[in-house]
């Protein structure tokens, strides 16, 4: 049985774009989201503790990536990442980090967390794991392992509450999943609605071109299509992996290369629109 959770977000700078502290009721852990530009000047004591951190960045091939690391002093480790980038030792660039801290974390425990989080990122498949090596054979007591698995569960809740679904598995179709199809403007795609939007399946084909009005007025959808082509999600007009969009219209617009209403352009096998299906 799932129970309700209470999450507290504190905007330390008075803005969601700045330093954010996230805490979960009845848990001694916390998350700190910090921008790269603020790392050098942040003197918070809780930012200098032992923990694990996530760097949201791009890999060498331009794909969206996530670097998972651990440190006994997270602030100093992030500063080292920045120094390494300036000297050319890091092949990727990150704009912000989400860091997790907890009472009584030590080197053994954070190494375990780093390895497990990296496994989860890879299994969820929402972005490319960039961590090259982790400690996979950390020696721990049984109760410590159980405590760290609970830490992972709570940290995943906070990560999702902050708006990043990197630790949430992609939705998988079931025997009762209803598929919808988009053939607008030469696209030939298949997908299904999810709690977070709409998932387009691997092998779906986009239009070969984008219309001029989409390039002028498509905004975020036009930009997203370019990003998916740049990071390899779309190659030669074909989706190379499943991809979950934030809305049906985002999915159909990217696919068709024009501004599209996904509630109309996604059709069931019987010809019903997604809107008709939602209305019952």
C-alpha atoms as a PDB file:
ATOM      1  CA  UNK A   1       0.000   0.000   0.000  1.00  0.00           C
ATOM      2  CA  UNK A   2       1.305   3.451  -0.954  1.00  0.00           C
ATOM      3  CA  UNK A   3       1.083   6.224   1.610  1.00  0.00           C
ATOM      4  CA  UNK A   4       1.075   9.968   1.036  1.00  0.00           C
ATOM      5  CA  UNK A   5       4.360  11.860   1.180  1.00  0.00           C
ATOM      6  CA  UNK A   6       4.992  15.430   2.303  1.00  0.00           C
ATOM      7  CA  UNK A   7       7.730  17.276   0.393  1.00  0.00           C
ATOM      8  CA  UNK A   8       9.034  20.708   1.415  1.00  0.00           C
ATOM      9  CA  UNK A   9      10.790  22.921  -1.126  1.00  0.00           C
ATOM     10  CA  UNK A  10      12.723  25.942   0.113  1.00  0.00           C
ATOM     11  CA  UNK A  11      13.785  28.516  -2.487  1.00  0.00           C
ATOM     12  CA  UNK A  12      16.890  29.821  -0.778  1.00  0.00           C
ATOM     13  CA  UNK A  13      17.314  32.689  -3.262  1.00  0.00           C
ATOM     14  CA  UNK A  14      13.604  33.391  -3.536  1.00  0.00           C
ATOM     15  CA  UNK A  15      13.489  31.896  -7.032  1.00  0.00           C
ATOM     16  CA  UNK A  16      12.965  28.397  -8.405  1.00  0.00           C
ATOM     17  CA  UNK A  17      15.850  29.110 -10.785  1.00  0.00           C
ATOM     18  CA  UNK A  18      18.294  29.522  -7.891  1.00  0.00           C
ATOM     19  CA  UNK A  19      19.341  27.358  -4.962  1.00  0.00           C
ATOM     20  CA  UNK A  20      16.566  24.935  -3.961  1.00  0.00           C
ATOM     21  CA  UNK A  21      16.478  22.755  -0.829  1.00  0.00           C
ATOM     22  CA  UNK A  22      14.112  19.762  -0.937  1.00  0.00           C
ATOM     23  CA  UNK A  23      13.237  17.676   2.109  1.00  0.00           C
ATOM     24  CA  UNK A  24      10.898  14.783   2.775  1.00  0.00           C
ATOM     25  CA  UNK A  25       8.905  14.551   6.013  1.00  0.00           C
ATOM     26  CA  UNK A  26      10.272  12.014   8.515  1.00  0.00           C
ATOM     27  CA  UNK A  27      13.554  11.562   6.609  1.00  0.00           C
ATOM     28  CA  UNK A  28      16.885  13.000   7.673  1.00  0.00           C
ATOM     29  CA  UNK A  29      18.153  13.275   4.115  1.00  0.00           C
ATOM     30  CA  UNK A  30      17.856  16.299   1.849  1.00  0.00           C
ATOM     31  CA  UNK A  31      18.451  17.412  -1.717  1.00  0.00           C
ATOM     32  CA  UNK A  32      20.205  20.595  -2.802  1.00  0.00           C
ATOM     33  CA  UNK A  33      19.806  21.824  -6.385  1.00  0.00           C
ATOM     34  CA  UNK A  34      22.510  24.325  -7.286  1.00  0.00           C
ATOM     35  CA  UNK A  35      23.524  26.125 -10.470  1.00  0.00           C
ATOM     36  CA  UNK A  36      27.079  25.782 -11.721  1.00  0.00           C
ATOM     37  CA  UNK A  37      27.647  29.525 -11.360  1.00  0.00           C
ATOM     38  CA  UNK A  38      26.761  29.409  -7.655  1.00  0.00           C
ATOM     39  CA  UNK A  39      29.081  26.570  -6.626  1.00  0.00           C
ATOM     40  CA  UNK A  40      32.118  28.810  -6.127  1.00  0.00           C
ATOM     41  CA  UNK A  41      30.365  31.172  -3.718  1.00  0.00           C
ATOM     42  CA  UNK A  42      28.059  28.798  -1.803  1.00  0.00           C
ATOM     43  CA  UNK A  43      29.221  28.498   1.799  1.00  0.00           C
ATOM     44  CA  UNK A  44      26.307  26.476   3.201  1.00  0.00           C
ATOM     45  CA  UNK A  45      27.522  23.955   5.757  1.00  0.00           C
ATOM     46  CA  UNK A  46      25.114  21.264   4.546  1.00  0.00           C
ATOM     47  CA  UNK A  47      26.552  21.623   1.020  1.00  0.00           C
ATOM     48  CA  UNK A  48      29.984  20.583   2.323  1.00  0.00           C
ATOM     49  CA  UNK A  49      28.944  17.188   3.667  1.00  0.00           C
ATOM     50  CA  UNK A  50      29.304  13.670   2.316  1.00  0.00           C
ATOM     51  CA  UNK A  51      26.822  12.717  -0.367  1.00  0.00           C
ATOM     52  CA  UNK A  52      26.062  11.819  -3.955  1.00  0.00           C
ATOM     53  CA  UNK A  53      25.470  14.275  -6.773  1.00  0.00           C
ATOM     54  CA  UNK A  54      23.975  14.346 -10.264  1.00  0.00           C
ATOM     55  CA  UNK A  55      25.391  16.575 -13.008  1.00  0.00           C
ATOM     56  CA  UNK A  56      22.938  17.243 -15.834  1.00  0.00           C
ATOM     57  CA  UNK A  57      25.036  17.658 -18.932  1.00  0.00           C
ATOM     58  CA  UNK A  58      25.911  16.582 -22.461  1.00  0.00           C
ATOM     59  CA  UNK A  59      28.204  13.727 -23.404  1.00  0.00           C
ATOM     60  CA  UNK A  60      30.932  13.726 -26.024  1.00  0.00           C
ATOM     61  CA  UNK A  61      28.402  12.797 -28.726  1.00  0.00           C
ATOM     62  CA  UNK A  62      25.988  15.578 -27.784  1.00  0.00           C
ATOM     63  CA  UNK A  63      23.480  13.233 -26.147  1.00  0.00           C
ATOM     64  CA  UNK A  64      21.777  14.318 -22.945  1.00  0.00           C
ATOM     65  CA  UNK A  65      23.786  12.744 -20.167  1.00  0.00           C
ATOM     66  CA  UNK A  66      23.837  12.369 -16.426  1.00  0.00           C
ATOM     67  CA  UNK A  67      27.011  12.055 -14.406  1.00  0.00           C
ATOM     68  CA  UNK A  68      26.556  10.457 -10.968  1.00  0.00           C
ATOM     69  CA  UNK A  69      29.344  10.993  -8.454  1.00  0.00           C
ATOM     70  CA  UNK A  70      30.134  10.750  -4.752  1.00  0.00           C
ATOM     71  CA  UNK A  71      32.297  12.799  -2.429  1.00  0.00           C
ATOM     72  CA  UNK A  72      33.016  13.274   1.253  1.00  0.00           C
ATOM     73  CA  UNK A  73      32.784  17.024   0.571  1.00  0.00           C
ATOM     74  CA  UNK A  74      30.385  17.595  -2.305  1.00  0.00           C
ATOM     75  CA  UNK A  75      31.099  21.324  -2.636  1.00  0.00           C
ATOM     76  CA  UNK A  76      34.832  20.745  -3.098  1.00  0.00           C
ATOM     77  CA  UNK A  77      34.191  17.915  -5.576  1.00  0.00           C
ATOM     78  CA  UNK A  78      31.950  20.118  -7.723  1.00  0.00           C
ATOM     79  CA  UNK A  79      34.582  22.839  -7.645  1.00  0.00           C
ATOM     80  CA  UNK A  80      37.085  20.265  -8.882  1.00  0.00           C
ATOM     81  CA  UNK A  81      34.722  19.369 -11.749  1.00  0.00           C
ATOM     82  CA  UNK A  82      34.664  23.027 -12.747  1.00  0.00           C
ATOM     83  CA  UNK A  83      38.470  23.268 -12.607  1.00  0.00           C
ATOM     84  CA  UNK A  84      38.766  20.105 -14.701  1.00  0.00           C
ATOM     85  CA  UNK A  85      36.414  21.568 -17.308  1.00  0.00           C
ATOM     86  CA  UNK A  86      38.495  24.742 -17.545  1.00  0.00           C
ATOM     87  CA  UNK A  87      41.663  22.705 -18.082  1.00  0.00           C
ATOM     88  CA  UNK A  88      40.027  20.492 -20.705  1.00  0.00           C
ATOM     89  CA  UNK A  89      39.984  17.327 -18.588  1.00  0.00           C
ATOM     90  CA  UNK A  90      36.191  16.943 -18.737  1.00  0.00           C
ATOM     91  CA  UNK A  91      34.533  16.222 -22.098  1.00  0.00           C
ATOM     92  CA  UNK A  92      31.049  17.323 -21.004  1.00  0.00           C
ATOM     93  CA  UNK A  93      29.468  20.495 -19.686  1.00  0.00           C
ATOM     94  CA  UNK A  94      26.856  20.801 -16.941  1.00  0.00           C
ATOM     95  CA  UNK A  95      24.683  23.740 -15.937  1.00  0.00           C
ATOM     96  CA  UNK A  96      23.379  22.539 -12.575  1.00  0.00           C
ATOM     97  CA  UNK A  97      23.696  19.746 -10.039  1.00  0.00           C
ATOM     98  CA  UNK A  98      21.277  17.970  -7.732  1.00  0.00           C
ATOM     99  CA  UNK A  99      23.048  16.709  -4.595  1.00  0.00           C
ATOM    100  CA  UNK A 100      21.796  14.380  -1.869  1.00  0.00           C
ATOM    101  CA  UNK A 101      22.994  14.366   1.718  1.00  0.00           C
ATOM    102  CA  UNK A 102      22.083  12.296   4.757  1.00  0.00           C
ATOM    103  CA  UNK A 103      23.019  11.862   8.366  1.00  0.00           C
ATOM    104  CA  UNK A 104      25.950   9.490   9.032  1.00  0.00           C
ATOM    105  CA  UNK A 105      26.882   8.952   5.379  1.00  0.00           C
ATOM    106  CA  UNK A 106      30.480   7.794   4.995  1.00  0.00           C
ATOM    107  CA  UNK A 107      32.776   6.780   2.128  1.00  0.00           C
ATOM    108  CA  UNK A 108      31.491   3.211   2.036  1.00  0.00           C
ATOM    109  CA  UNK A 109      27.848   4.253   1.911  1.00  0.00           C
ATOM    110  CA  UNK A 110      28.238   6.964  -0.713  1.00  0.00           C
ATOM    111  CA  UNK A 111      30.191   4.592  -2.949  1.00  0.00           C
ATOM    112  CA  UNK A 112      27.291   2.153  -2.722  1.00  0.00           C
ATOM    113  CA  UNK A 113      24.814   4.929  -3.517  1.00  0.00           C
ATOM    114  CA  UNK A 114      26.846   6.127  -6.496  1.00  0.00           C
ATOM    115  CA  UNK A 115      26.909   2.636  -7.981  1.00  0.00           C
ATOM    116  CA  UNK A 116      23.215   1.981  -7.415  1.00  0.00           C
ATOM    117  CA  UNK A 117      22.094   5.357  -8.751  1.00  0.00           C
ATOM    118  CA  UNK A 118      24.213   4.855 -11.844  1.00  0.00           C
ATOM    119  CA  UNK A 119      22.570   1.455 -12.367  1.00  0.00           C
ATOM    120  CA  UNK A 120      19.119   2.995 -12.022  1.00  0.00           C
ATOM    121  CA  UNK A 121      19.876   5.817 -14.458  1.00  0.00           C
ATOM    122  CA  UNK A 122      20.972   3.258 -17.035  1.00  0.00           C
ATOM    123  CA  UNK A 123      17.954   1.020 -16.459  1.00  0.00           C
ATOM    124  CA  UNK A 124      15.480   3.917 -16.718  1.00  0.00           C
ATOM    125  CA  UNK A 125      16.953   4.882 -20.079  1.00  0.00           C
ATOM    126  CA  UNK A 126      15.886   8.524 -19.983  1.00  0.00           C
ATOM    127  CA  UNK A 127      19.412   9.831 -20.489  1.00  0.00           C
ATOM    128  CA  UNK A 128      22.907   8.513 -21.068  1.00  0.00           C
ATOM    129  CA  UNK A 129      24.945   7.563 -17.954  1.00  0.00           C
ATOM    130  CA  UNK A 130      28.315   9.336 -18.100  1.00  0.00           C
ATOM    131  CA  UNK A 131      29.991   7.840 -15.015  1.00  0.00           C
ATOM    132  CA  UNK A 132      32.787   5.604 -16.253  1.00  0.00           C
ATOM    133  CA  UNK A 133      33.584   3.578 -13.138  1.00  0.00           C
ATOM    134  CA  UNK A 134      31.865   2.862  -9.827  1.00  0.00           C
ATOM    135  CA  UNK A 135      32.542   0.553  -6.877  1.00  0.00           C
ATOM    136  CA  UNK A 136      30.328  -2.460  -7.541  1.00  0.00           C
ATOM    137  CA  UNK A 137      31.558  -4.680  -4.685  1.00  0.00           C
ATOM    138  CA  UNK A 138      31.234  -2.438  -1.658  1.00  0.00           C
ATOM    139  CA  UNK A 139      31.364  -4.509   1.549  1.00  0.00           C
ATOM    140  CA  UNK A 140      28.437  -3.558   3.771  1.00  0.00           C
ATOM    141  CA  UNK A 141      26.361  -4.979   6.567  1.00  0.00           C
ATOM    142  CA  UNK A 142      22.864  -6.149   5.697  1.00  0.00           C
ATOM    143  CA  UNK A 143      21.181  -3.363   7.659  1.00  0.00           C
ATOM    144  CA  UNK A 144      23.348  -0.739   5.954  1.00  0.00           C
ATOM    145  CA  UNK A 145      22.326  -2.004   2.540  1.00  0.00           C
ATOM    146  CA  UNK A 146      18.661  -1.855   3.541  1.00  0.00           C
ATOM    147  CA  UNK A 147      19.092   1.682   4.859  1.00  0.00           C
ATOM    148  CA  UNK A 148      20.744   2.815   1.620  1.00  0.00           C
ATOM    149  CA  UNK A 149      17.981   1.285  -0.499  1.00  0.00           C
ATOM    150  CA  UNK A 150      15.512   3.335   1.536  1.00  0.00           C
ATOM    151  CA  UNK A 151      17.736   6.387   0.943  1.00  0.00           C
ATOM    152  CA  UNK A 152      17.537   5.706  -2.806  1.00  0.00           C
ATOM    153  CA  UNK A 153      13.763   5.446  -2.690  1.00  0.00           C
ATOM    154  CA  UNK A 154      13.403   8.753  -0.827  1.00  0.00           C
ATOM    155  CA  UNK A 155      15.974  10.517  -3.002  1.00  0.00           C
ATOM    156  CA  UNK A 156      14.092   9.369  -6.094  1.00  0.00           C
ATOM    157  CA  UNK A 157      10.911  10.966  -4.730  1.00  0.00           C
ATOM    158  CA  UNK A 158      12.706  14.280  -4.197  1.00  0.00           C
ATOM    159  CA  UNK A 159      14.355  14.141  -7.617  1.00  0.00           C
ATOM    160  CA  UNK A 160      10.948  13.659  -9.209  1.00  0.00           C
ATOM    161  CA  UNK A 161       9.454  16.444  -7.066  1.00  0.00           C
ATOM    162  CA  UNK A 162      12.173  18.773  -8.367  1.00  0.00           C
ATOM    163  CA  UNK A 163      10.968  17.995 -11.891  1.00  0.00           C
ATOM    164  CA  UNK A 164      13.629  15.533 -13.061  1.00  0.00           C
ATOM    165  CA  UNK A 165      12.365  12.063 -14.015  1.00  0.00           C
ATOM    166  CA  UNK A 166      15.800  10.499 -14.551  1.00  0.00           C
ATOM    167  CA  UNK A 167      15.205   7.927 -11.774  1.00  0.00           C
ATOM    168  CA  UNK A 168      11.693   7.019 -12.972  1.00  0.00           C
ATOM    169  CA  UNK A 169      11.479   4.013 -15.320  1.00  0.00           C
ATOM    170  CA  UNK A 170       9.960   4.663 -18.713  1.00  0.00           C
ATOM    171  CA  UNK A 171       6.339   3.551 -18.937  1.00  0.00           C
ATOM    172  CA  UNK A 172       5.953   0.075 -20.381  1.00  0.00           C
ATOM    173  CA  UNK A 173       2.911  -1.045 -22.372  1.00  0.00           C
ATOM    174  CA  UNK A 174       0.652  -3.693 -20.852  1.00  0.00           C
ATOM    175  CA  UNK A 175      -1.931  -6.062 -22.280  1.00  0.00           C
ATOM    176  CA  UNK A 176      -4.577  -3.347 -21.877  1.00  0.00           C
ATOM    177  CA  UNK A 177      -2.563  -0.460 -23.352  1.00  0.00           C
ATOM    178  CA  UNK A 178      -4.356   1.303 -26.193  1.00  0.00           C
ATOM    179  CA  UNK A 179      -2.057   2.436 -28.959  1.00  0.00           C
ATOM    180  CA  UNK A 180      -2.507   5.547 -31.054  1.00  0.00           C
ATOM    181  CA  UNK A 181      -1.094   6.380 -34.474  1.00  0.00           C
ATOM    182  CA  UNK A 182       0.045   9.619 -36.091  1.00  0.00           C
ATOM    183  CA  UNK A 183       0.295   9.813 -39.874  1.00  0.00           C
ATOM    184  CA  UNK A 184       0.046  13.595 -40.227  1.00  0.00           C
ATOM    185  CA  UNK A 185       2.293  15.287 -42.830  1.00  0.00           C
ATOM    186  CA  UNK A 186       4.004  12.046 -43.778  1.00  0.00           C
ATOM    187  CA  UNK A 187       4.787  10.902 -40.246  1.00  0.00           C
ATOM    188  CA  UNK A 188       4.151   7.262 -39.421  1.00  0.00           C
ATOM    189  CA  UNK A 189       4.288   6.830 -35.661  1.00  0.00           C
ATOM    190  CA  UNK A 190       2.904   4.693 -32.868  1.00  0.00           C
ATOM    191  CA  UNK A 191       2.651   5.456 -29.159  1.00  0.00           C
ATOM    192  CA  UNK A 192       0.473   5.606 -26.093  1.00  0.00           C
ATOM    193  CA  UNK A 193      -0.606   8.109 -23.438  1.00  0.00           C
ATOM    194  CA  UNK A 194       1.235   8.085 -20.105  1.00  0.00           C
ATOM    195  CA  UNK A 195       0.747   9.770 -16.756  1.00  0.00           C
ATOM    196  CA  UNK A 196       3.416  12.298 -17.700  1.00  0.00           C
ATOM    197  CA  UNK A 197       2.517  12.860 -21.361  1.00  0.00           C
ATOM    198  CA  UNK A 198       2.844  10.646 -24.413  1.00  0.00           C
ATOM    199  CA  UNK A 199       5.407   7.968 -25.301  1.00  0.00           C
ATOM    200  CA  UNK A 200       6.456   7.492 -28.931  1.00  0.00           C
ATOM    201  CA  UNK A 201       7.800   4.043 -29.693  1.00  0.00           C
ATOM    202  CA  UNK A 202      11.123   3.190 -31.280  1.00  0.00           C
ATOM    203  CA  UNK A 203      10.847   2.809 -35.055  1.00  0.00           C
ATOM    204  CA  UNK A 204       8.313   5.611 -35.450  1.00  0.00           C
ATOM    205  CA  UNK A 205       8.987   7.823 -38.458  1.00  0.00           C
ATOM    206  CA  UNK A 206       8.857  11.618 -38.608  1.00  0.00           C
ATOM    207  CA  UNK A 207       8.036  13.824 -41.593  1.00  0.00           C
ATOM    208  CA  UNK A 208      11.012  14.395 -43.851  1.00  0.00           C
ATOM    209  CA  UNK A 209      10.700  18.164 -43.667  1.00  0.00           C
ATOM    210  CA  UNK A 210       9.409  20.885 -41.387  1.00  0.00           C
ATOM    211  CA  UNK A 211       7.084  23.572 -42.734  1.00  0.00           C
ATOM    212  CA  UNK A 212       8.136  27.221 -42.696  1.00  0.00           C
ATOM    213  CA  UNK A 213       5.432  28.202 -40.194  1.00  0.00           C
ATOM    214  CA  UNK A 214       6.718  25.549 -37.771  1.00  0.00           C
ATOM    215  CA  UNK A 215      10.216  26.983 -38.008  1.00  0.00           C
ATOM    216  CA  UNK A 216       8.843  30.464 -37.314  1.00  0.00           C
ATOM    217  CA  UNK A 217       6.173  29.673 -34.724  1.00  0.00           C
ATOM    218  CA  UNK A 218       6.925  26.156 -33.483  1.00  0.00           C
ATOM    219  CA  UNK A 219       8.922  27.490 -30.563  1.00  0.00           C
ATOM    220  CA  UNK A 220       9.886  24.791 -28.067  1.00  0.00           C
ATOM    221  CA  UNK A 221       8.523  22.012 -30.305  1.00  0.00           C
ATOM    222  CA  UNK A 222      10.699  23.055 -33.245  1.00  0.00           C
ATOM    223  CA  UNK A 223      13.691  23.337 -30.929  1.00  0.00           C
ATOM    224  CA  UNK A 224      12.961  19.920 -29.417  1.00  0.00           C
ATOM    225  CA  UNK A 225      12.904  18.246 -32.820  1.00  0.00           C
ATOM    226  CA  UNK A 226      16.339  19.685 -33.515  1.00  0.00           C
ATOM    227  CA  UNK A 227      17.631  18.496 -30.140  1.00  0.00           C
ATOM    228  CA  UNK A 228      16.335  14.958 -30.694  1.00  0.00           C
ATOM    229  CA  UNK A 229      18.006  14.856 -34.087  1.00  0.00           C
ATOM    230  CA  UNK A 230      21.243  16.212 -32.623  1.00  0.00           C
ATOM    231  CA  UNK A 231      21.421  13.709 -29.744  1.00  0.00           C
ATOM    232  CA  UNK A 232      20.581  10.683 -31.881  1.00  0.00           C
ATOM    233  CA  UNK A 233      17.062   9.981 -30.619  1.00  0.00           C
ATOM    234  CA  UNK A 234      15.930  10.642 -34.206  1.00  0.00           C
ATOM    235  CA  UNK A 235      18.228   9.431 -36.988  1.00  0.00           C
ATOM    236  CA  UNK A 236      17.293   9.678 -40.656  1.00  0.00           C
ATOM    237  CA  UNK A 237      13.737  10.573 -39.567  1.00  0.00           C
ATOM    238  CA  UNK A 238      13.337   7.434 -37.424  1.00  0.00           C
ATOM    239  CA  UNK A 239      13.171   7.189 -33.616  1.00  0.00           C
ATOM    240  CA  UNK A 240      16.091   5.056 -32.423  1.00  0.00           C
ATOM    241  CA  UNK A 241      14.559   4.576 -28.948  1.00  0.00           C
ATOM    242  CA  UNK A 242      11.308   5.081 -27.097  1.00  0.00           C
ATOM    243  CA  UNK A 243      10.843   8.715 -26.106  1.00  0.00           C
ATOM    244  CA  UNK A 244       8.337  10.174 -23.653  1.00  0.00           C
ATOM    245  CA  UNK A 245       7.065  13.655 -24.527  1.00  0.00           C
ATOM    246  CA  UNK A 246       5.474  16.011 -22.024  1.00  0.00           C
ATOM    247  CA  UNK A 247       2.238  16.127 -24.029  1.00  0.00           C
ATOM    248  CA  UNK A 248       0.508  14.473 -27.024  1.00  0.00           C
ATOM    249  CA  UNK A 249       0.812  17.762 -28.952  1.00  0.00           C
ATOM    250  CA  UNK A 250       4.567  17.927 -28.358  1.00  0.00           C
ATOM    251  CA  UNK A 251       4.850  14.413 -29.783  1.00  0.00           C
ATOM    252  CA  UNK A 252       2.678  15.006 -32.866  1.00  0.00           C
ATOM    253  CA  UNK A 253       4.276  18.413 -33.580  1.00  0.00           C
ATOM    254  CA  UNK A 254       7.807  16.969 -33.531  1.00  0.00           C
ATOM    255  CA  UNK A 255       6.694  14.041 -35.672  1.00  0.00           C
ATOM    256  CA  UNK A 256       4.770  16.017 -38.280  1.00  0.00           C
ATOM    257  CA  UNK A 257       7.116  19.001 -38.508  1.00  0.00           C
ATOM    258  CA  UNK A 258       4.302  21.476 -37.986  1.00  0.00           C
ATOM    259  CA  UNK A 259       2.269  22.837 -35.105  1.00  0.00           C
ATOM    260  CA  UNK A 260      -0.123  19.998 -34.266  1.00  0.00           C
ATOM    261  CA  UNK A 261      -2.975  19.319 -31.870  1.00  0.00           C
ATOM    262  CA  UNK A 262      -2.126  15.905 -30.507  1.00  0.00           C
ATOM    263  CA  UNK A 263      -5.627  15.352 -29.169  1.00  0.00           C
ATOM    264  CA  UNK A 264      -6.793  15.297 -32.795  1.00  0.00           C
ATOM    265  CA  UNK A 265      -3.796  13.984 -34.732  1.00  0.00           C
ATOM    266  CA  UNK A 266      -3.294  10.867 -32.607  1.00  0.00           C
ATOM    267  CA  UNK A 267      -5.844   8.260 -33.755  1.00  0.00           C
ATOM    268  CA  UNK A 268      -6.710   4.827 -32.383  1.00  0.00           C
ATOM    269  CA  UNK A 269      -6.833   1.742 -34.600  1.00  0.00           C
ATOM    270  CA  UNK A 270     -10.578   2.375 -34.993  1.00  0.00           C
ATOM    271  CA  UNK A 271     -10.092   5.999 -36.033  1.00  0.00           C
ATOM    272  CA  UNK A 272     -11.085   7.634 -32.744  1.00  0.00           C
ATOM    273  CA  UNK A 273      -9.064  10.680 -31.777  1.00  0.00           C
ATOM    274  CA  UNK A 274      -7.181  10.770 -28.518  1.00  0.00           C
ATOM    275  CA  UNK A 275      -9.629  13.436 -27.331  1.00  0.00           C
ATOM    276  CA  UNK A 276     -12.640  11.224 -28.095  1.00  0.00           C
ATOM    277  CA  UNK A 277     -10.983   8.357 -26.293  1.00  0.00           C
ATOM    278  CA  UNK A 278     -10.306  10.518 -23.195  1.00  0.00           C
ATOM    279  CA  UNK A 279     -13.895  11.730 -23.134  1.00  0.00           C
ATOM    280  CA  UNK A 280     -15.150   8.135 -23.150  1.00  0.00           C
END
